[in-house]
Structure formats: structure tokens, C-alpha cells
């Protein structure tokens, strides 16, 4: 994930797994773009602990604002290709 659109600003690299509260990574409500490798997927949530609205993403997104997710991701699940 990246702080700004078009994969700019501070990055937050994530490995496969669950991140229930991005506040712990100092990245709560800060993501503006997300790069997802081919075959991988992520499920993002508006609130910590996988609460609130969510969406599953399967491709990179250079501008999360267009989908209504700009600066609003608080938890995330990262799935490698085998877990899709």
C-alpha cells in the first residue's frame, strides 16, 4: 500500500497474512493506492478488526479514491495465489 495515488509517498509493504489494525503500522486511514502482484488478492476493511464495509481486490489500483477507499482502510487480509 502507498500513502499517495499512483504508488507515491510512503509505502507499507505487507506479506501474506492478516493485519487487524493498521494503526499498529502507523498506516490507519492513509492508503491511497495499492499494488497487488498477479495472482494475489487482498480484502480491505473500513474499520479495525475486519469490521465495516469491505471489498476484495485482485489487481493493482493506482487511485483508491475512484472506488471510495481513499484514506479509509483500517484492516486488511493479504492472500497469496494458493489461498484465492
PDB file of N, CA and C in Angstrom:
ATOM      1  N   UNK A   1       0.851  -1.169   0.000  1.00  0.00           N
ATOM      2  CA  UNK A   1       0.000   0.000   0.000  1.00  0.00           C
ATOM      3  C   UNK A   1       0.895   1.230   0.000  1.00  0.00           C
ATOM      4  N   UNK A   2       0.338   2.307  -0.526  1.00  0.00           N
ATOM      5  CA  UNK A   2       1.081   3.562  -0.621  1.00  0.00           C
ATOM      6  C   UNK A   2       0.243   4.714  -0.084  1.00  0.00           C
ATOM      7  N   UNK A   3       0.933   5.675   0.477  1.00  0.00           N
ATOM      8  CA  UNK A   3       0.291   6.834   1.089  1.00  0.00           C
ATOM      9  C   UNK A   3      -0.409   7.732   0.070  1.00  0.00           C
ATOM     10  N   UNK A   4       0.113   7.790  -1.148  1.00  0.00           N
ATOM     11  CA  UNK A   4      -0.443   8.682  -2.171  1.00  0.00           C
ATOM     12  C   UNK A   4      -0.887   7.902  -3.402  1.00  0.00           C
ATOM     13  N   UNK A   5      -1.674   8.526  -4.258  1.00  0.00           N
ATOM     14  CA  UNK A   5      -2.097   7.900  -5.508  1.00  0.00           C
ATOM     15  C   UNK A   5      -0.881   7.642  -6.396  1.00  0.00           C
ATOM     16  N   UNK A   6      -1.077   6.771  -7.370  1.00  0.00           N
ATOM     17  CA  UNK A   6      -0.018   6.428  -8.321  1.00  0.00           C
ATOM     18  C   UNK A   6       1.229   5.861  -7.645  1.00  0.00           C
ATOM     19  N   UNK A   7       0.995   5.142  -6.529  1.00  0.00           N
ATOM     20  CA  UNK A   7       2.061   4.438  -5.811  1.00  0.00           C
ATOM     21  C   UNK A   7       3.154   5.375  -5.308  1.00  0.00           C
ATOM     22  N   UNK A   8       2.737   6.551  -4.871  1.00  0.00           N
ATOM     23  CA  UNK A   8       3.676   7.535  -4.359  1.00  0.00           C
ATOM     24  C   UNK A   8       3.632   7.628  -2.846  1.00  0.00           C
ATOM     25  N   UNK A   9       4.545   8.389  -2.312  1.00  0.00           N
ATOM     26  CA  UNK A   9       4.606   8.588  -0.870  1.00  0.00           C
ATOM     27  C   UNK A   9       5.150   7.379  -0.142  1.00  0.00           C
ATOM     28  N   UNK A  10       4.905   7.356   1.134  1.00  0.00           N
ATOM     29  CA  UNK A  10       5.425   6.285   1.989  1.00  0.00           C
ATOM     30  C   UNK A  10       4.739   4.961   1.658  1.00  0.00           C
ATOM     31  N   UNK A  11       5.520   3.894   1.446  1.00  0.00           N
ATOM     32  CA  UNK A  11       4.913   2.580   1.211  1.00  0.00           C
ATOM     33  C   UNK A  11       4.748   1.804   2.522  1.00  0.00           C
ATOM     34  N   UNK A  12       3.811   0.877   2.526  1.00  0.00           N
ATOM     35  CA  UNK A  12       3.671  -0.085   3.614  1.00  0.00           C
ATOM     36  C   UNK A  12       3.675  -1.473   2.976  1.00  0.00           C
ATOM     37  N   UNK A  13       4.856  -2.116   2.932  1.00  0.00           N
ATOM     38  CA  UNK A  13       4.906  -3.453   2.352  1.00  0.00           C
ATOM     39  C   UNK A  13       4.245  -4.453   3.295  1.00  0.00           C
ATOM     40  N   UNK A  14       3.434  -5.333   2.725  1.00  0.00           N
ATOM     41  CA  UNK A  14       2.725  -6.341   3.514  1.00  0.00           C
ATOM     42  C   UNK A  14       2.981  -7.717   2.933  1.00  0.00           C
ATOM     43  N   UNK A  15       3.120  -8.686   3.795  1.00  0.00           N
ATOM     44  CA  UNK A  15       3.254 -10.077   3.373  1.00  0.00           C
ATOM     45  C   UNK A  15       1.899 -10.755   3.517  1.00  0.00           C
ATOM     46  N   UNK A  16       1.797 -11.979   3.036  1.00  0.00           N
ATOM     47  CA  UNK A  16       0.563 -12.746   3.208  1.00  0.00           C
ATOM     48  C   UNK A  16       0.225 -12.803   4.693  1.00  0.00           C
ATOM     49  N   UNK A  17      -1.048 -12.611   5.026  1.00  0.00           N
ATOM     50  CA  UNK A  17      -1.474 -12.660   6.407  1.00  0.00           C
ATOM     51  C   UNK A  17      -2.583 -11.683   6.696  1.00  0.00           C
ATOM     52  N   UNK A  18      -2.836 -11.492   7.971  1.00  0.00           N
ATOM     53  CA  UNK A  18      -3.904 -10.600   8.396  1.00  0.00           C
ATOM     54  C   UNK A  18      -3.329  -9.453   9.217  1.00  0.00           C
ATOM     55  N   UNK A  19      -3.881  -8.301   9.016  1.00  0.00           N
ATOM     56  CA  UNK A  19      -3.465  -7.085   9.704  1.00  0.00           C
ATOM     57  C   UNK A  19      -4.733  -6.443  10.251  1.00  0.00           C
ATOM     58  N   UNK A  20      -5.048  -6.753  11.517  1.00  0.00           N
ATOM     59  CA  UNK A  20      -6.340  -6.377  12.081  1.00  0.00           C
ATOM     60  C   UNK A  20      -6.448  -4.903  12.438  1.00  0.00           C
ATOM     61  N   UNK A  21      -5.311  -4.224  12.554  1.00  0.00           N
ATOM     62  CA  UNK A  21      -5.360  -2.813  12.925  1.00  0.00           C
ATOM     63  C   UNK A  21      -4.146  -2.108  12.335  1.00  0.00           C
ATOM     64  N   UNK A  22      -4.333  -1.377  11.260  1.00  0.00           N
ATOM     65  CA  UNK A  22      -3.211  -0.701  10.614  1.00  0.00           C
ATOM     66  C   UNK A  22      -2.656   0.448  11.442  1.00  0.00           C
ATOM     67  N   UNK A  23      -3.342   0.804  12.513  1.00  0.00           N
ATOM     68  CA  UNK A  23      -2.802   1.813  13.441  1.00  0.00           C
ATOM     69  C   UNK A  23      -1.468   1.322  14.007  1.00  0.00           C
ATOM     70  N   UNK A  24      -1.350   0.026  14.211  1.00  0.00           N
ATOM     71  CA  UNK A  24      -0.108  -0.553  14.732  1.00  0.00           C
ATOM     72  C   UNK A  24       1.054  -0.359  13.758  1.00  0.00           C
ATOM     73  N   UNK A  25       0.754  -0.188  12.473  1.00  0.00           N
ATOM     74  CA  UNK A  25       1.765   0.063  11.456  1.00  0.00           C
ATOM     75  C   UNK A  25       1.864   1.538  11.092  1.00  0.00           C
ATOM     76  N   UNK A  26       1.190   2.390  11.868  1.00  0.00           N
ATOM     77  CA  UNK A  26       1.132   3.831  11.595  1.00  0.00           C
ATOM     78  C   UNK A  26       0.645   4.097  10.167  1.00  0.00           C
ATOM     79  N   UNK A  27      -0.381   3.316   9.736  1.00  0.00           N
ATOM     80  CA  UNK A  27      -0.893   3.465   8.373  1.00  0.00           C
ATOM     81  C   UNK A  27      -2.417   3.440   8.350  1.00  0.00           C
ATOM     82  N   UNK A  28      -3.067   3.671   9.476  1.00  0.00           N
ATOM     83  CA  UNK A  28      -4.529   3.661   9.543  1.00  0.00           C
ATOM     84  C   UNK A  28      -5.108   4.813   8.728  1.00  0.00           C
ATOM     85  N   UNK A  29      -6.056   4.508   7.860  1.00  0.00           N
ATOM     86  CA  UNK A  29      -6.731   5.522   7.034  1.00  0.00           C
ATOM     87  C   UNK A  29      -5.754   6.384   6.240  1.00  0.00           C
ATOM     88  N   UNK A  30      -4.698   5.757   5.698  1.00  0.00           N
ATOM     89  CA  UNK A  30      -3.696   6.518   4.953  1.00  0.00           C
ATOM     90  C   UNK A  30      -3.487   6.037   3.526  1.00  0.00           C
ATOM     91  N   UNK A  31      -3.955   4.848   3.167  1.00  0.00           N
ATOM     92  CA  UNK A  31      -3.667   4.279   1.846  1.00  0.00           C
ATOM     93  C   UNK A  31      -4.446   4.999   0.749  1.00  0.00           C
ATOM     94  N   UNK A  32      -3.722   5.368  -0.308  1.00  0.00           N
ATOM     95  CA  UNK A  32      -4.351   5.999  -1.466  1.00  0.00           C
ATOM     96  C   UNK A  32      -4.165   5.174  -2.738  1.00  0.00           C
ATOM     97  N   UNK A  33      -3.243   4.208  -2.708  1.00  0.00           N
ATOM     98  CA  UNK A  33      -3.068   3.284  -3.827  1.00  0.00           C
ATOM     99  C   UNK A  33      -2.530   1.969  -3.278  1.00  0.00           C
ATOM    100  N   UNK A  34      -2.738   0.913  -4.053  1.00  0.00           N
ATOM    101  CA  UNK A  34      -2.299  -0.403  -3.606  1.00  0.00           C
ATOM    102  C   UNK A  34      -1.826  -1.202  -4.810  1.00  0.00           C
ATOM    103  N   UNK A  35      -0.671  -1.802  -4.661  1.00  0.00           N
ATOM    104  CA  UNK A  35      -0.126  -2.638  -5.722  1.00  0.00           C
ATOM    105  C   UNK A  35      -0.282  -4.095  -5.295  1.00  0.00           C
ATOM    106  N   UNK A  36      -0.939  -4.897  -6.120  1.00  0.00           N
ATOM    107  CA  UNK A  36      -1.208  -6.299  -5.820  1.00  0.00           C
ATOM    108  C   UNK A  36      -0.561  -7.141  -6.911  1.00  0.00           C
ATOM    109  N   UNK A  37       0.370  -8.034  -6.546  1.00  0.00           N
ATOM    110  CA  UNK A  37       1.009  -8.874  -7.562  1.00  0.00           C
ATOM    111  C   UNK A  37      -0.009  -9.782  -8.258  1.00  0.00           C
ATOM    112  N   UNK A  38       0.290 -10.150  -9.476  1.00  0.00           N
ATOM    113  CA  UNK A  38      -0.567 -11.044 -10.238  1.00  0.00           C
ATOM    114  C   UNK A  38      -0.816 -12.339  -9.460  1.00  0.00           C
ATOM    115  N   UNK A  39      -2.076 -12.740  -9.377  1.00  0.00           N
ATOM    116  CA  UNK A  39      -2.446 -13.954  -8.677  1.00  0.00           C
ATOM    117  C   UNK A  39      -2.775 -13.750  -7.202  1.00  0.00           C
ATOM    118  N   UNK A  40      -2.353 -12.659  -6.625  1.00  0.00           N
ATOM    119  CA  UNK A  40      -2.626 -12.354  -5.222  1.00  0.00           C
ATOM    120  C   UNK A  40      -3.955 -11.610  -5.122  1.00  0.00           C
ATOM    121  N   UNK A  41      -4.490 -11.513  -3.901  1.00  0.00           N
ATOM    122  CA  UNK A  41      -5.668 -10.687  -3.652  1.00  0.00           C
ATOM    123  C   UNK A  41      -5.598 -10.153  -2.233  1.00  0.00           C
ATOM    124  N   UNK A  42      -6.351  -9.099  -1.999  1.00  0.00           N
ATOM    125  CA  UNK A  42      -6.459  -8.528  -0.658  1.00  0.00           C
ATOM    126  C   UNK A  42      -7.924  -8.236  -0.372  1.00  0.00           C
ATOM    127  N   UNK A  43      -8.281  -8.291   0.882  1.00  0.00           N
ATOM    128  CA  UNK A  43      -9.596  -7.846   1.321  1.00  0.00           C
ATOM    129  C   UNK A  43      -9.350  -6.698   2.280  1.00  0.00           C
ATOM    130  N   UNK A  44      -9.875  -5.532   1.953  1.00  0.00           N
ATOM    131  CA  UNK A  44      -9.685  -4.345   2.779  1.00  0.00           C
ATOM    132  C   UNK A  44     -10.980  -4.018   3.516  1.00  0.00           C
ATOM    133  N   UNK A  45     -10.818  -3.435   4.704  1.00  0.00           N
ATOM    134  CA  UNK A  45     -11.951  -3.108   5.570  1.00  0.00           C
ATOM    135  C   UNK A  45     -11.849  -1.661   6.017  1.00  0.00           C
ATOM    136  N   UNK A  46     -12.995  -1.011   6.144  1.00  0.00           N
ATOM    137  CA  UNK A  46     -13.037   0.396   6.579  1.00  0.00           C
ATOM    138  C   UNK A  46     -12.645   0.558   8.048  1.00  0.00           C
ATOM    139  N   UNK A  47     -12.891  -0.487   8.859  1.00  0.00           N
ATOM    140  CA  UNK A  47     -12.632  -0.384  10.294  1.00  0.00           C
ATOM    141  C   UNK A  47     -11.623  -1.437  10.742  1.00  0.00           C
ATOM    142  N   UNK A  48     -11.042  -1.217  11.909  1.00  0.00           N
ATOM    143  CA  UNK A  48     -10.123  -2.186  12.506  1.00  0.00           C
ATOM    144  C   UNK A  48     -10.857  -3.481  12.816  1.00  0.00           C
ATOM    145  N   UNK A  49     -10.099  -4.535  13.000  1.00  0.00           N
ATOM    146  CA  UNK A  49     -10.636  -5.852  13.352  1.00  0.00           C
ATOM    147  C   UNK A  49     -11.618  -6.384  12.313  1.00  0.00           C
ATOM    148  N   UNK A  50     -11.369  -6.047  11.032  1.00  0.00           N
ATOM    149  CA  UNK A  50     -12.146  -6.568   9.909  1.00  0.00           C
ATOM    150  C   UNK A  50     -13.630  -6.227   9.999  1.00  0.00           C
ATOM    151  N   UNK A  51     -13.909  -5.035  10.476  1.00  0.00           N
ATOM    152  CA  UNK A  51     -15.291  -4.559  10.618  1.00  0.00           C
ATOM    153  C   UNK A  51     -15.579  -3.498   9.556  1.00  0.00           C
ATOM    154  N   UNK A  52     -16.849  -3.184   9.418  1.00  0.00           N
ATOM    155  CA  UNK A  52     -17.273  -2.169   8.471  1.00  0.00           C
ATOM    156  C   UNK A  52     -17.306  -2.685   7.043  1.00  0.00           C
ATOM    157  N   UNK A  53     -17.498  -1.782   6.112  1.00  0.00           N
ATOM    158  CA  UNK A  53     -17.539  -2.148   4.699  1.00  0.00           C
ATOM    159  C   UNK A  53     -16.235  -2.808   4.294  1.00  0.00           C
ATOM    160  N   UNK A  54     -16.318  -3.719   3.315  1.00  0.00           N
ATOM    161  CA  UNK A  54     -15.117  -4.379   2.826  1.00  0.00           C
ATOM    162  C   UNK A  54     -15.243  -4.628   1.326  1.00  0.00           C
ATOM    163  N   UNK A  55     -14.094  -4.862   0.709  1.00  0.00           N
ATOM    164  CA  UNK A  55     -14.054  -5.202  -0.716  1.00  0.00           C
ATOM    165  C   UNK A  55     -12.825  -6.068  -0.946  1.00  0.00           C
ATOM    166  N   UNK A  56     -12.951  -7.000  -1.869  1.00  0.00           N
ATOM    167  CA  UNK A  56     -11.823  -7.853  -2.258  1.00  0.00           C
ATOM    168  C   UNK A  56     -11.231  -7.287  -3.546  1.00  0.00           C
ATOM    169  N   UNK A  57      -9.929  -7.054  -3.543  1.00  0.00           N
ATOM    170  CA  UNK A  57      -9.223  -6.510  -4.700  1.00  0.00           C
ATOM    171  C   UNK A  57      -8.279  -7.570  -5.253  1.00  0.00           C
ATOM    172  N   UNK A  58      -8.220  -7.687  -6.571  1.00  0.00           N
ATOM    173  CA  UNK A  58      -7.378  -8.709  -7.191  1.00  0.00           C
ATOM    174  C   UNK A  58      -6.371  -8.138  -8.182  1.00  0.00           C
ATOM    175  N   UNK A  59      -6.324  -6.827  -8.292  1.00  0.00           N
ATOM    176  CA  UNK A  59      -5.406  -6.172  -9.222  1.00  0.00           C
ATOM    177  C   UNK A  59      -4.921  -4.862  -8.602  1.00  0.00           C
ATOM    178  N   UNK A  60      -3.780  -4.368  -9.062  1.00  0.00           N
ATOM    179  CA  UNK A  60      -3.290  -3.086  -8.555  1.00  0.00           C
ATOM    180  C   UNK A  60      -4.317  -1.976  -8.788  1.00  0.00           C
ATOM    181  N   UNK A  61      -4.309  -1.000  -7.894  1.00  0.00           N
ATOM    182  CA  UNK A  61      -5.208   0.148  -8.023  1.00  0.00           C
ATOM    183  C   UNK A  61      -4.406   1.404  -7.696  1.00  0.00           C
ATOM    184  N   UNK A  62      -4.143   2.211  -8.698  1.00  0.00           N
ATOM    185  CA  UNK A  62      -3.316   3.409  -8.532  1.00  0.00           C
ATOM    186  C   UNK A  62      -4.041   4.571  -7.869  1.00  0.00           C
ATOM    187  N   UNK A  63      -5.378   4.466  -7.759  1.00  0.00           N
ATOM    188  CA  UNK A  63      -6.131   5.566  -7.172  1.00  0.00           C
ATOM    189  C   UNK A  63      -7.363   5.012  -6.458  1.00  0.00           C
ATOM    190  N   UNK A  64      -7.233   4.722  -5.172  1.00  0.00           N
ATOM    191  CA  UNK A  64      -8.337   4.161  -4.394  1.00  0.00           C
ATOM    192  C   UNK A  64      -9.490   5.140  -4.225  1.00  0.00           C
ATOM    193  N   UNK A  65      -9.249   6.413  -4.486  1.00  0.00           N
ATOM    194  CA  UNK A  65     -10.305   7.424  -4.362  1.00  0.00           C
ATOM    195  C   UNK A  65     -11.460   7.129  -5.316  1.00  0.00           C
ATOM    196  N   UNK A  66     -11.138   6.649  -6.504  1.00  0.00           N
ATOM    197  CA  UNK A  66     -12.166   6.379  -7.510  1.00  0.00           C
ATOM    198  C   UNK A  66     -13.167   5.318  -7.050  1.00  0.00           C
ATOM    199  N   UNK A  67     -12.752   4.422  -6.165  1.00  0.00           N
ATOM    200  CA  UNK A  67     -13.645   3.377  -5.652  1.00  0.00           C
ATOM    201  C   UNK A  67     -14.197   3.712  -4.266  1.00  0.00           C
ATOM    202  N   UNK A  68     -13.852   4.881  -3.743  1.00  0.00           N
ATOM    203  CA  UNK A  68     -14.339   5.280  -2.430  1.00  0.00           C
ATOM    204  C   UNK A  68     -13.527   4.718  -1.269  1.00  0.00           C
ATOM    205  N   UNK A  69     -12.297   4.290  -1.518  1.00  0.00           N
ATOM    206  CA  UNK A  69     -11.463   3.699  -0.466  1.00  0.00           C
ATOM    207  C   UNK A  69     -10.253   4.546  -0.118  1.00  0.00           C
ATOM    208  N   UNK A  70     -10.137   5.734  -0.651  1.00  0.00           N
ATOM    209  CA  UNK A  70      -9.023   6.642  -0.381  1.00  0.00           C
ATOM    210  C   UNK A  70      -8.979   7.006   1.100  1.00  0.00           C
ATOM    211  N   UNK A  71      -7.852   6.765   1.744  1.00  0.00           N
ATOM    212  CA  UNK A  71      -7.645   7.122   3.155  1.00  0.00           C
ATOM    213  C   UNK A  71      -8.729   6.559   4.077  1.00  0.00           C
ATOM    214  N   UNK A  72      -9.151   5.328   3.835  1.00  0.00           N
ATOM    215  CA  UNK A  72     -10.199   4.771   4.698  1.00  0.00           C
ATOM    216  C   UNK A  72      -9.994   3.300   5.037  1.00  0.00           C
ATOM    217  N   UNK A  73      -8.826   2.734   4.780  1.00  0.00           N
ATOM    218  CA  UNK A  73      -8.567   1.326   5.090  1.00  0.00           C
ATOM    219  C   UNK A  73      -7.946   1.229   6.482  1.00  0.00           C
ATOM    220  N   UNK A  74      -8.581   0.421   7.337  1.00  0.00           N
ATOM    221  CA  UNK A  74      -8.092   0.263   8.711  1.00  0.00           C
ATOM    222  C   UNK A  74      -7.628  -1.153   9.030  1.00  0.00           C
ATOM    223  N   UNK A  75      -8.035  -2.146   8.231  1.00  0.00           N
ATOM    224  CA  UNK A  75      -7.540  -3.510   8.396  1.00  0.00           C
ATOM    225  C   UNK A  75      -7.547  -4.188   7.036  1.00  0.00           C
ATOM    226  N   UNK A  76      -6.725  -5.223   6.901  1.00  0.00           N
ATOM    227  CA  UNK A  76      -6.546  -5.859   5.598  1.00  0.00           C
ATOM    228  C   UNK A  76      -6.140  -7.316   5.771  1.00  0.00           C
ATOM    229  N   UNK A  77      -6.609  -8.142   4.848  1.00  0.00           N
ATOM    230  CA  UNK A  77      -6.168  -9.536   4.748  1.00  0.00           C
ATOM    231  C   UNK A  77      -5.475  -9.682   3.401  1.00  0.00           C
ATOM    232  N   UNK A  78      -4.289 -10.278   3.395  1.00  0.00           N
ATOM    233  CA  UNK A  78      -3.491 -10.447   2.183  1.00  0.00           C
ATOM    234  C   UNK A  78      -3.415 -11.938   1.859  1.00  0.00           C
ATOM    235  N   UNK A  79      -3.874 -12.309   0.657  1.00  0.00           N
ATOM    236  CA  UNK A  79      -3.958 -13.708   0.250  1.00  0.00           C
ATOM    237  C   UNK A  79      -2.974 -14.003  -0.878  1.00  0.00           C
ATOM    238  N   UNK A  80      -2.070 -14.976  -0.695  1.00  0.00           N
ATOM    239  CA  UNK A  80      -1.190 -15.392  -1.802  1.00  0.00           C
ATOM    240  C   UNK A  80      -1.985 -16.217  -2.808  1.00  0.00           C
ATOM    241  N   UNK A  81      -1.432 -16.495  -3.958  1.00  0.00           N
ATOM    242  CA  UNK A  81      -2.177 -17.203  -5.007  1.00  0.00           C
ATOM    243  C   UNK A  81      -2.836 -18.510  -4.551  1.00  0.00           C
ATOM    244  N   UNK A  82      -2.212 -19.275  -3.720  1.00  0.00           N
ATOM    245  CA  UNK A  82      -2.769 -20.570  -3.301  1.00  0.00           C
ATOM    246  C   UNK A  82      -4.024 -20.419  -2.446  1.00  0.00           C
ATOM    247  N   UNK A  83      -4.239 -19.268  -1.820  1.00  0.00           N
ATOM    248  CA  UNK A  83      -5.396 -19.070  -0.916  1.00  0.00           C
ATOM    249  C   UNK A  83      -6.570 -18.390  -1.597  1.00  0.00           C
ATOM    250  N   UNK A  84      -6.518 -18.169  -2.874  1.00  0.00           N
ATOM    251  CA  UNK A  84      -7.612 -17.475  -3.559  1.00  0.00           C
ATOM    252  C   UNK A  84      -8.740 -18.404  -3.643  1.00  0.00           C
TER     253      UNK A  84
END
